[in-house]
Protein backbone atom coordinates (compact mmCIF):
# COMPACT_ATOMS: atom_id res chain seq x y z
CA MET A 1 -28.11 2.40 -19.37
CA LYS A 2 -28.58 2.97 -22.98
CA ALA A 3 -25.82 0.96 -24.80
CA PRO A 4 -24.71 2.21 -28.35
CA HIS A 5 -25.30 -1.27 -29.73
CA PRO A 6 -28.45 -3.41 -30.40
CA ALA A 7 -30.77 -3.90 -27.68
CA LYS A 8 -29.27 -6.00 -24.65
CA VAL A 9 -25.64 -5.51 -25.95
CA ALA A 10 -23.04 -3.38 -24.33
CA GLY A 11 -19.85 -2.17 -25.99
CA ILE A 12 -16.71 -0.36 -25.28
CA ASP A 13 -17.34 2.92 -23.46
CA SER A 14 -16.85 6.14 -25.17
CA THR A 15 -14.42 7.16 -22.28
CA VAL A 16 -11.73 4.94 -23.91
CA PRO A 17 -10.57 6.70 -27.07
CA ALA A 18 -10.26 4.38 -30.17
CA PRO A 19 -9.02 5.41 -33.48
CA ALA A 20 -11.68 6.03 -36.00
CA HIS A 21 -11.62 3.84 -39.29
CA THR A 22 -10.67 5.59 -42.43
CA VAL A 23 -11.66 2.83 -44.80
CA ALA A 24 -14.87 2.80 -46.86
CA SER A 25 -17.74 0.45 -46.00
CA ALA A 26 -16.97 -3.35 -46.92
CA ALA A 27 -20.40 -3.34 -48.56
CA ALA A 28 -19.50 -0.84 -51.40
CA GLY A 29 -17.65 -1.11 -54.48
CA PRO A 30 -15.83 -3.84 -56.37
CA ASP A 31 -12.86 -3.92 -53.98
CA ALA A 32 -15.16 -4.95 -50.93
CA PRO A 33 -13.03 -7.82 -49.93
CA GLY A 34 -10.03 -5.58 -49.71
CA ALA A 35 -12.07 -3.10 -47.75
CA LEU A 36 -13.25 -5.56 -45.29
CA LEU A 37 -9.77 -6.75 -44.72
CA GLN A 38 -8.61 -3.13 -44.07
CA ASP A 39 -11.80 -2.47 -41.65
CA ARG A 40 -10.82 -5.57 -39.68
CA LEU A 41 -7.26 -4.56 -39.30
CA ALA A 42 -8.17 -1.20 -38.31
CA GLY A 43 -10.44 -2.84 -35.73
CA TRP A 44 -7.53 -4.77 -34.51
CA VAL A 45 -5.33 -1.54 -34.28
CA SER A 46 -8.27 0.05 -32.40
CA ASP A 47 -8.42 -2.82 -29.91
CA LEU A 48 -4.53 -2.97 -29.43
CA THR A 49 -4.51 0.71 -28.77
CA THR A 50 -7.32 0.62 -26.27
CA LEU A 51 -5.59 -2.27 -24.33
CA HIS A 52 -2.22 -0.82 -24.58
CA GLU A 53 -3.54 2.53 -22.99
CA LEU A 54 -5.39 0.50 -20.27
CA THR A 55 -2.37 -1.80 -19.35
CA GLU A 56 -0.23 1.06 -19.19
CA ARG A 57 -2.57 2.85 -16.70
CA LEU A 58 -2.53 -0.33 -14.67
CA VAL A 59 1.17 -0.76 -14.39
CA ARG A 60 1.49 2.63 -13.06
CA THR A 61 -0.30 1.63 -9.78
CA ASP A 62 1.96 0.46 -7.19
CA THR A 63 -0.48 -0.37 -4.37
CA LEU A 64 -3.14 -3.20 -4.07
CA SER A 65 -6.06 -0.86 -3.62
CA GLU A 66 -4.99 1.54 -6.55
CA GLY A 67 -4.53 -1.56 -8.76
CA ILE A 68 -7.95 -2.89 -8.14
CA GLU A 69 -9.73 0.63 -8.58
CA GLU A 70 -7.92 0.72 -12.01
CA VAL A 71 -9.27 -2.60 -13.04
CA LEU A 72 -12.52 -1.72 -12.12
CA ARG A 73 -12.44 1.51 -14.19
CA ALA A 74 -10.85 -0.25 -17.25
CA GLY A 75 -13.23 -3.05 -17.12
CA ALA A 76 -16.30 -0.73 -16.88
CA ALA A 77 -15.11 0.98 -19.86
CA LEU A 78 -14.57 -2.11 -21.98
CA VAL A 79 -17.91 -3.67 -21.10
CA GLY A 80 -19.77 -0.41 -21.30
CA ALA A 81 -20.89 -0.53 -17.41
CA ARG A 82 -21.02 2.17 -14.90
CA ARG A 83 -20.63 0.41 -11.58
CA GLY A 84 -18.96 -2.71 -10.44
CA LEU A 85 -16.89 -4.47 -7.62
CA VAL A 86 -13.91 -6.53 -7.14
CA VAL A 87 -13.74 -9.15 -4.52
CA LEU A 88 -10.41 -10.21 -3.65
CA GLU A 89 -10.31 -13.67 -1.76
CA PRO A 90 -7.07 -15.42 -2.56
CA ALA A 91 -7.56 -19.33 -2.69
CA ASP A 92 -4.49 -20.06 -0.64
CA GLY A 93 -6.51 -18.47 2.38
CA LEU A 94 -3.40 -16.09 3.29
CA GLY A 95 -5.59 -13.05 2.45
CA PRO A 96 -6.11 -9.98 2.39
CA ASP A 97 -9.55 -10.55 1.72
CA THR A 98 -11.27 -7.29 0.48
CA THR A 99 -14.27 -5.86 -1.44
CA VAL A 100 -13.54 -2.65 -3.58
CA GLY A 101 -16.56 -1.13 -5.21
CA LEU A 102 -16.87 1.50 -8.36
CA GLY A 103 -19.87 3.68 -7.82
CA LEU A 104 -20.97 1.79 -4.84
CA ALA A 105 -21.06 3.18 -1.38
CA ARG A 106 -19.86 1.19 1.68
CA ALA A 107 -23.79 0.55 2.31
CA ASP A 108 -24.32 -0.71 -1.10
CA LEU A 109 -21.46 -3.19 -0.73
CA GLY A 110 -23.02 -4.18 2.72
CA HIS A 111 -26.53 -4.89 0.88
CA LEU A 112 -24.65 -7.09 -1.79
CA GLU A 113 -23.38 -9.18 1.02
CA THR A 114 -26.78 -10.00 2.59
CA VAL A 115 -27.56 -11.85 -0.94
CA PRO A 116 -26.66 -15.52 -0.45
CA ARG A 117 -23.30 -16.06 -2.03
CA SER A 118 -24.47 -18.90 -4.33
CA CYS A 119 -26.96 -16.58 -6.02
CA LEU A 120 -24.45 -14.01 -7.31
CA SER A 121 -22.22 -14.63 -10.36
CA HIS A 122 -19.08 -13.50 -8.89
CA GLY A 123 -20.01 -15.62 -5.66
CA ARG A 124 -20.26 -18.70 -7.93
CA ILE A 125 -16.82 -17.78 -9.32
CA LEU A 126 -15.47 -17.50 -5.80
CA ASP A 127 -16.68 -20.88 -4.73
CA GLY A 128 -15.04 -22.57 -7.68
CA LEU A 129 -17.86 -23.53 -9.83
CA PRO A 130 -17.09 -23.84 -13.51
CA VAL A 131 -17.13 -20.80 -15.54
CA GLY A 132 -17.01 -20.29 -19.48
CA GLU A 133 -14.04 -18.73 -21.12
CA ASP A 134 -16.00 -15.54 -21.73
CA GLY A 135 -17.49 -14.99 -17.90
CA ILE A 136 -20.83 -14.99 -16.56
CA ALA A 137 -23.34 -12.69 -18.20
CA GLU A 138 -26.73 -12.11 -16.65
CA PRO A 139 -28.58 -9.72 -19.26
CA ASP A 140 -31.82 -9.29 -17.58
CA LEU A 141 -31.79 -10.20 -13.90
CA LEU A 142 -35.25 -8.93 -12.90
CA ALA A 143 -36.80 -11.05 -15.59
CA GLU A 144 -35.42 -14.42 -14.55
CA LYS A 145 -38.11 -16.34 -12.83
CA GLY A 146 -35.71 -18.24 -10.51
CA LEU A 147 -33.83 -15.14 -9.02
CA ASP A 148 -33.48 -15.34 -5.38
CA PRO A 149 -35.99 -12.94 -3.76
CA ARG A 150 -33.25 -11.31 -1.62
CA HIS A 151 -31.14 -10.75 -4.82
CA ARG A 152 -34.21 -9.18 -6.56
CA GLU A 153 -34.90 -6.97 -3.58
CA VAL A 154 -31.11 -5.69 -3.43
CA ALA A 155 -30.94 -5.15 -7.32
CA ALA A 156 -34.01 -3.15 -7.24
CA ARG A 157 -32.71 -1.11 -4.22
CA LEU A 158 -29.46 -0.50 -5.92
CA GLY A 159 -30.92 0.13 -9.30
CA TYR A 160 -29.02 -2.34 -11.47
CA ALA A 161 -30.68 -4.93 -13.85
CA ALA A 162 -27.93 -6.95 -15.44
CA SER A 163 -24.37 -7.91 -14.61
CA TYR A 164 -21.14 -9.36 -16.20
CA ALA A 165 -18.65 -11.24 -14.14
CA LEU A 166 -15.14 -12.58 -14.83
CA PRO A 167 -12.56 -14.50 -12.68
CA LEU A 168 -9.22 -13.23 -11.72
CA THR A 169 -6.90 -16.08 -11.89
CA VAL A 170 -3.18 -16.56 -12.64
CA GLU A 171 -1.50 -19.60 -13.83
CA GLY A 172 1.45 -21.23 -12.01
CA ALA A 173 2.36 -21.45 -8.43
CA GLY A 174 3.17 -17.58 -8.09
CA PRO A 175 4.02 -14.45 -9.64
CA ALA A 176 6.76 -14.40 -12.25
CA PRO A 177 10.10 -13.05 -10.90
CA GLY A 178 11.65 -9.88 -12.22
CA GLY A 179 9.50 -7.27 -11.34
CA THR A 180 5.88 -6.35 -12.88
CA GLY A 181 6.58 -8.13 -16.02
CA THR A 182 6.08 -5.18 -18.24
CA SER A 183 7.66 -2.26 -19.89
CA THR A 184 6.57 1.11 -21.57
CA GLY A 185 7.39 -0.26 -24.91
CA GLY A 186 5.95 -3.87 -24.61
CA SER A 187 3.39 -3.92 -21.93
CA GLY A 188 -0.06 -5.57 -22.34
CA PRO A 189 -1.35 -7.91 -25.08
CA THR A 190 0.08 -8.05 -28.56
CA ALA A 191 -1.44 -7.61 -31.81
CA GLY A 192 -1.88 -11.22 -32.32
CA ASP A 193 -3.82 -11.44 -28.82
CA THR A 194 -6.76 -9.25 -30.19
CA GLY A 195 -6.69 -11.26 -33.38
CA ALA A 196 -9.38 -12.17 -35.73
CA SER A 197 -11.33 -14.59 -33.67
CA ALA A 198 -13.66 -12.94 -30.80
CA VAL A 199 -14.51 -16.15 -29.21
CA GLY A 200 -12.48 -16.57 -26.07
CA PRO A 201 -9.42 -14.67 -24.91
CA ARG A 202 -6.21 -16.52 -25.40
CA PRO A 203 -3.20 -16.21 -22.76
CA THR A 204 -1.48 -12.86 -23.13
CA ALA A 205 1.93 -12.73 -24.42
CA GLY A 206 4.34 -13.48 -21.72
CA GLY A 207 1.78 -14.96 -19.75
CA ALA A 208 1.66 -18.56 -18.63
CA GLY A 209 -0.41 -20.97 -20.51
CA PRO A 210 -2.31 -23.89 -19.16
CA SER A 211 0.63 -26.20 -19.15
CA ALA A 212 2.67 -23.54 -16.87
CA GLY A 213 0.80 -25.02 -13.79
CA ARG A 214 -2.50 -25.02 -11.98
CA THR A 215 -4.73 -21.87 -11.99
CA ARG A 216 -4.65 -19.98 -8.84
CA ARG A 217 -7.62 -17.84 -7.96
CA LEU A 218 -7.29 -14.37 -6.61
CA GLY A 219 -10.89 -13.04 -6.81
CA ALA A 220 -13.69 -12.02 -9.04
CA ALA A 221 -14.82 -9.03 -10.80
CA VAL A 222 -18.32 -7.80 -11.66
CA TRP A 223 -19.76 -5.09 -13.46
CA LEU A 224 -23.38 -3.72 -13.26
CA TYR A 225 -25.59 -2.49 -15.72
CA ASP A 226 -28.52 -0.14 -14.86
CA GLU A 227 -30.87 -1.48 -17.59
CA PRO A 228 -30.94 -4.91 -19.19
CA ALA A 229 -27.72 -5.56 -21.31
CA GLU A 230 -24.55 -7.55 -21.91
CA PRO A 231 -21.32 -7.14 -23.50
CA GLY A 232 -20.94 -8.28 -27.13
CA ALA A 233 -18.27 -10.73 -28.42
CA ARG A 234 -15.74 -8.11 -29.07
CA PRO A 235 -16.00 -6.37 -25.75
CA ARG A 236 -15.92 -9.81 -23.93
CA HIS A 237 -12.93 -10.69 -25.79
CA LEU A 238 -11.17 -7.54 -24.81
CA ALA A 239 -12.25 -7.62 -21.27
CA GLY A 240 -10.98 -11.14 -20.96
CA LEU A 241 -7.55 -10.38 -22.22
CA TYR A 242 -7.30 -7.25 -19.93
CA THR A 243 -8.55 -9.17 -16.79
CA ARG A 244 -5.89 -11.85 -17.42
CA TYR A 245 -3.16 -9.51 -17.75
CA ALA A 246 -4.39 -7.51 -14.71
CA ALA A 247 -4.62 -10.50 -12.58
CA GLN A 248 -0.87 -11.10 -13.07
CA HIS A 249 -0.19 -7.42 -11.77
CA LEU A 250 -2.70 -7.83 -9.09
CA ALA A 251 -0.78 -11.07 -7.83
CA ARG A 252 2.48 -9.17 -7.72
CA LEU A 253 0.77 -6.26 -5.81
CA LEU A 254 -0.75 -8.86 -3.39
CA GLU A 255 2.74 -10.20 -2.70
CA VAL A 256 3.98 -6.85 -1.93
CA GLU A 257 1.12 -6.36 0.32
CA ARG A 258 1.58 -9.45 2.27
CA THR A 259 5.40 -8.94 2.70
CA ARG A 260 4.53 -5.38 3.90
CA ALA A 261 2.01 -6.55 6.42
CA SER A 262 4.27 -9.47 7.53
CA MET A 263 7.45 -6.98 7.85
CA ALA A 264 4.98 -4.50 9.86
CA THR A 265 3.79 -7.21 12.18
CA MET A 266 7.41 -8.32 12.70
CA ALA A 267 8.64 -4.92 13.64
CA GLY A 268 5.50 -4.30 15.74
CA GLU A 269 6.05 -7.34 17.84
CA LEU A 270 9.72 -6.11 18.29
CA LEU A 271 8.64 -2.43 19.38
CA PRO A 272 6.76 -1.69 22.81
CA SER A 273 3.08 -2.98 22.43
CA ARG A 274 2.26 0.13 24.90
CA LEU A 275 3.98 3.11 26.10
CA PRO A 276 4.42 3.08 30.04
CA ARG A 277 2.44 5.54 32.38
CA VAL A 278 4.84 7.51 34.49
CA ALA A 279 3.88 10.57 36.64
CA GLY A 280 5.07 14.05 35.22
CA VAL A 281 5.01 12.99 31.54
CA GLN A 282 2.87 12.00 28.76
CA LEU A 283 4.14 9.74 25.92
CA ALA A 284 3.17 9.08 22.43
CA ALA A 285 5.00 7.41 19.35
CA ARG A 286 4.75 7.06 15.71
CA HIS A 287 6.36 4.25 13.66
CA ARG A 288 6.24 3.73 9.75
CA THR A 289 8.08 1.01 7.98
CA GLY A 290 8.60 0.16 4.37
CA PRO A 291 7.31 -3.02 2.63
CA ARG A 292 10.71 -4.77 3.25
CA GLY A 293 10.89 -3.68 6.76
CA GLY A 294 13.44 -1.66 8.38
CA GLY A 295 15.78 -1.36 11.45
CA ASP A 296 14.49 1.76 13.20
CA TRP A 297 13.23 1.57 16.87
CA TYR A 298 12.01 3.39 19.80
CA ASP A 299 11.91 2.56 23.55
CA ALA A 300 10.43 3.87 26.66
CA LEU A 301 11.55 1.91 29.79
CA PRO A 302 10.59 2.65 33.54
CA LEU A 303 13.66 2.77 35.53
CA PRO A 304 14.34 2.94 39.42
CA ASP A 305 13.73 6.15 41.28
CA ALA A 306 10.71 7.13 39.08
CA ALA A 307 13.12 7.88 36.18
CA LEU A 308 12.36 6.82 32.55
CA GLY A 309 14.70 5.59 29.88
CA LEU A 310 13.97 6.87 26.34
CA ALA A 311 15.61 5.71 23.26
CA VAL A 312 15.29 5.87 19.53
CA GLY A 313 17.64 4.31 16.89
CA SER A 314 18.20 2.81 13.35
CA VAL A 315 20.08 -0.38 12.30
CA THR A 316 21.55 -0.11 8.76
CA GLY A 317 20.17 -2.28 6.06
CA SER A 318 16.36 -3.57 5.61
CA GLY A 319 14.51 -6.78 5.51
CA PRO A 320 14.20 -9.50 7.96
CA SER A 321 17.89 -9.46 9.00
CA ALA A 322 17.73 -5.65 9.77
CA VAL A 323 14.52 -6.18 11.74
CA ALA A 324 15.99 -9.14 13.76
CA ALA A 325 19.19 -7.02 14.22
CA MET A 326 17.01 -4.01 15.78
CA GLY A 327 15.29 -6.46 18.10
CA ARG A 328 18.55 -7.72 19.48
CA LEU A 329 19.97 -4.12 19.86
CA ARG A 330 16.66 -3.01 21.67
CA ALA A 331 16.70 -5.71 24.22
CA SER A 332 20.34 -5.28 24.94
CA LEU A 333 19.63 -1.42 25.27
CA ARG A 334 17.02 -2.33 27.80
CA ALA A 335 19.35 -4.59 29.81
CA TYR A 336 21.94 -2.00 30.10
CA ALA A 337 19.59 0.73 30.66
CA VAL A 338 18.26 -1.05 33.93
CA MET A 339 21.90 -1.58 35.07
CA GLU A 340 23.26 1.77 34.24
CA GLY A 341 20.58 4.06 32.69
CA GLU A 342 21.72 7.13 34.82
CA ASP A 343 24.82 7.11 32.75
CA PRO A 344 23.67 7.26 29.08
CA VAL A 345 27.27 7.43 27.86
CA ALA A 346 27.80 4.02 29.45
CA VAL A 347 24.45 2.50 28.21
CA LEU A 348 25.67 3.50 24.53
CA SER A 349 29.35 2.32 25.07
CA ASP A 350 28.14 -1.09 26.31
CA LEU A 351 25.88 -1.29 23.14
CA GLU A 352 28.63 -0.33 20.88
CA LEU A 353 30.91 -3.04 22.19
CA LEU A 354 28.00 -5.57 21.71
CA LEU A 355 27.40 -4.55 18.36
CA ARG A 356 31.08 -4.68 17.39
CA LEU A 357 31.54 -8.19 18.78
CA THR A 358 28.29 -9.72 17.53
CA GLU A 359 27.79 -8.02 14.31
CA PRO A 360 30.76 -6.46 13.01
CA ALA A 361 29.39 -5.65 9.41
CA ARG A 362 26.56 -3.77 10.86
CA SER A 363 26.36 -0.27 12.15
CA ALA A 364 23.59 1.73 13.91
CA THR A 365 22.66 5.08 15.28
CA ALA A 366 21.20 5.61 18.69
CA LEU A 367 19.96 8.29 21.15
CA PHE A 368 19.40 7.39 24.76
CA GLY A 369 17.97 9.73 27.31
CA TYR A 370 17.75 9.39 31.30
CA CYS A 371 14.60 11.21 31.83
CA GLU A 372 13.86 12.56 35.55
CA PRO A 373 10.22 13.64 35.27
CA ALA A 374 10.25 15.26 38.56
CA LEU A 375 13.02 17.72 37.50
CA ARG A 376 11.68 18.02 33.91
CA ARG A 377 15.30 17.10 32.88
CA ILE A 378 16.65 14.64 30.34
CA THR A 379 20.32 13.66 30.16
CA LEU A 380 21.28 12.54 26.65
CA ALA A 381 23.90 10.77 24.77
CA GLY A 382 23.78 10.18 20.92
CA ALA A 383 25.83 8.11 18.54
CA GLY A 384 25.54 9.65 15.02
CA HIS A 385 21.85 10.58 15.58
CA SER A 386 19.92 13.62 14.81
CA PRO A 387 19.33 16.14 17.81
CA PRO A 388 15.96 16.25 19.70
CA LEU A 389 13.58 18.95 19.18
CA LEU A 390 12.06 20.97 22.09
CA ILE A 391 8.58 22.35 21.41
CA GLY A 392 7.01 24.85 23.70
CA GLU A 393 4.90 27.79 23.82
CA ARG A 394 8.00 30.49 23.76
CA ARG A 395 10.59 28.24 22.03
CA THR A 396 10.94 25.58 19.24
CA GLU A 397 14.50 24.59 18.86
CA PHE A 398 16.81 21.80 18.45
CA ALA A 399 18.79 20.72 21.46
CA GLU A 400 22.59 20.99 21.60
CA THR A 401 24.09 17.56 21.52
CA SER A 402 27.59 16.29 21.20
CA VAL A 403 28.76 15.29 17.53
CA SER A 404 29.68 11.71 17.37
CA ALA A 405 29.87 8.68 14.95
CA PRO A 406 27.25 5.94 14.79
CA LEU A 407 27.94 2.79 16.68
CA GLY A 408 30.05 0.06 15.16
CA MET A 409 31.96 2.78 13.17
CA LEU A 410 35.03 3.48 15.45
CA ALA A 411 37.27 1.03 17.52
CA CYS A 412 35.80 2.48 20.50
CA TRP A 413 32.72 4.78 20.87
CA GLU A 414 32.53 7.55 23.52
CA ALA A 415 31.02 11.05 23.38
CA PRO A 416 29.97 13.28 26.47
CA SER A 417 26.53 13.56 27.56
CA VAL A 418 24.22 16.71 27.68
CA GLU A 419 21.40 17.78 29.73
CA LEU A 420 18.18 19.01 28.37
CA GLN A 421 15.95 21.19 30.84
CA ALA A 422 12.23 21.43 29.71
CA GLU A 423 9.57 23.86 31.12
CA PRO A 424 6.14 22.86 32.11
CA GLY A 425 3.80 21.98 29.15
CA GLU A 426 6.97 21.59 26.70
CA THR A 427 7.41 18.60 24.56
CA VAL A 428 10.47 16.90 23.54
CA LEU A 429 10.41 15.20 20.13
CA LEU A 430 12.86 12.41 19.45
CA TYR A 431 12.93 10.83 15.80
CA THR A 432 14.99 8.85 13.46
CA ASP A 433 16.62 10.16 10.23
CA GLY A 434 14.09 8.38 8.03
CA LEU A 435 11.67 11.29 8.70
CA LEU A 436 14.25 13.71 7.03
CA HIS A 437 15.22 11.48 4.45
CA ARG A 438 11.64 10.65 3.23
CA THR A 439 11.06 14.24 2.52
CA GLY A 440 13.68 14.09 -0.51
CA ASP A 441 15.18 17.31 0.53
CA PRO A 442 18.78 17.99 1.34
CA ALA A 443 19.64 17.74 4.99
CA ASP A 444 19.49 21.43 5.75
CA ARG A 445 15.93 21.75 4.36
CA ALA A 446 14.69 18.77 5.83
CA PHE A 447 15.66 20.13 9.19
CA ALA A 448 14.25 23.43 8.45
CA ARG A 449 10.73 21.64 7.33
CA LEU A 450 10.85 19.79 10.59
CA HIS A 451 11.54 22.92 12.63
CA ALA A 452 8.58 24.68 10.68
CA ALA A 453 6.20 21.75 11.40
CA ALA A 454 6.95 21.69 15.03
CA ALA A 455 6.58 25.51 15.25
CA GLY A 456 3.02 25.36 13.51
CA VAL A 457 1.55 22.83 15.87
CA PRO A 458 -1.67 24.38 16.84
CA ARG A 459 -2.06 25.92 20.43
CA ALA A 460 -4.97 23.51 21.08
CA ALA A 461 -3.01 20.39 20.26
CA ARG A 462 0.20 21.19 22.20
CA HIS A 463 -1.19 19.71 25.51
CA ASP A 464 -1.50 16.28 23.82
CA PRO A 465 1.76 14.53 22.71
CA ASP A 466 -0.20 12.26 20.35
CA ALA A 467 -1.49 15.23 18.62
CA VAL A 468 1.89 16.91 18.39
CA ALA A 469 3.42 13.68 16.84
CA GLU A 470 0.74 13.53 14.43
CA HIS A 471 0.72 16.94 13.28
CA VAL A 472 4.63 16.84 12.82
CA LEU A 473 4.32 13.62 10.73
CA ARG A 474 1.59 14.78 8.47
CA THR A 475 3.23 18.24 7.95
CA VAL A 476 6.68 17.06 7.29
CA LEU A 477 5.23 14.33 5.00
CA PRO A 478 2.21 15.57 3.40
CA GLY A 479 0.13 13.94 0.46
CA GLY A 480 0.32 10.46 1.99
CA ARG A 481 4.08 10.08 2.02
CA ALA A 482 4.01 9.00 5.49
CA GLU A 483 2.09 5.97 4.43
CA ALA A 484 3.62 5.43 0.94
CA ASP A 485 6.07 2.79 0.33
CA SER A 486 9.82 3.61 1.08
CA GLU A 487 13.06 2.26 1.98
CA GLU A 488 13.24 4.61 4.88
CA ASP A 489 11.42 3.81 8.25
CA VAL A 490 9.98 6.73 10.18
CA VAL A 491 10.01 6.92 14.32
CA LEU A 492 8.77 9.74 16.33
CA LEU A 493 8.67 9.54 20.11
CA ALA A 494 7.12 12.61 21.82
CA VAL A 495 7.58 13.28 25.40
CA ARG A 496 5.39 16.08 27.11
CA PHE A 497 6.39 17.32 30.51
CA GLU A 498 3.37 18.17 32.84
C-alpha cells in the first residue's frame, strides 16, 4: 500500500476525517513562531477530533465481537493499514480465547496459526516478552535475513510485507465499576493526552496509571501492510492512546461475555439435557437467556401409562437467585407430576403451596399439561401463563385456557383445567412471556405477531417441530433480537403429534 508519507512511513488513513489547518506555513513571514504554535495547536485539535470520533464509535458497541471489530477498523485507520487481527487471550486463563480478523478470511487466519508463535510480533506480546511503549514495528518483513521460513511463506501467500503490533492491556485487578466509564460529552482521551510530545502514549484521562495496580493482559492487535511501511511517531502515539482506552472497554465487554456464558451454563444445567422420545409425539425446544440469567424454564417428563408431562414457566427476577429458584421449582414440579400428573390442577396447586411457604417474596407463572400421545390430547392447567398455540394445516389458533393469577399471588391458587385435542400432524407450541416481551410491542400486537409467524410456517417445515420452533423464533424476533442481550428469557417447546 502506498502511504501518503515518506517511504516506509504510514500515517492516519483518509477514512478518518481530520479538520484542515487554516494557518499559514510556519516557514513564511516574520510571524513564523506564532504560526508554528497555531499549526501545532491545530494538529492537536485534529488529533483530539479523530480520537473522539473513534472512541465514540467504540463505546456504542455492546458485544465483545463488535468491540473487537471496531478496534480493528479504528486501528487500521490510525496506522494506515488495510488488514489486521486481534488475538484475545486473557492472561487469567478464563477465556474466551478468540481471533478476529479484518480483511482476513478464516483460511488466512488458519495460515497465520501455522507460523511459530515466537516468530510473530503479536505472539511475542502474548508470550509476555518485553514490548516498547510504541509497540512492535516490522517495516520490511521479507527483507529480514533472520525471518522464519514458514513466516516468509505465509506472508508471501497472504500478500503482506510489514506489520505493526500493540498489546491490549489494562491496569489494576479488573474493570472499573460504574458501567463503561464514558459519556457522550467526555469520552476518550483529553486534549492533554494528545499533547506536544509524540513519543509514547500516556495513560488516558480517567484510566489507571502504573500505580493503580499490575498490568493485566487481554491480548494483542496487529495490523498488516501490503508493502514495506511503518507508522510514524504521530500515528503511533494516537494508536497507543486509542488501544489503551479500547482495552478498558474490551475488558468490560469481556466480563459481560463471561457472565453471560456462566449464566447460560448454569441455566442449561438446570434444564433438560435432552428431550425424551415418546411414541406418538416429536419434541423440540428453544431457550434464550440474557447476560444476567433469568428464571424461564421448560420440561418434558415421561409419565406412567405412556403419558408425557409438559411444562413451561417463569420465575420473577433475574440473576443467580432467579436461576436457582427456577431449578428448585422445576425439580419440585417433576416430583408432583410423577405423583399426580394426570391432574394438572393438583400439580400446580402443590407447586403454589411450596412456593408460598419456601419463597414468599417470589411469584411465578407456569403451564403444565398432561399429554396422552395415543389420544392426541393434552389436559392443561395454567397459572398466569400465556395460552398455547395450535399449529396445523387447516388452523392456527390459540387454545382456550382459564384465566388465573400467577403462583404466589393469592392465598390459595386453583383454576379449572382444559382439554386440547389435536389432529395428526398438528403442533402445539408452548412458550413463555419473554417471547412476547422481547418484541417491544404491546400485548395485542405481540400476540398477533406470534400468530402470524406460526401461520407462516412453510408447509415443508411443518412435519419437523424443530423447524417450526426455529421459524417462529426468527420471525417473531427478526434481525438478531433472538440472540441479543435482553432482560427477558425466551422459551419455546414444540410438541408435534404424529
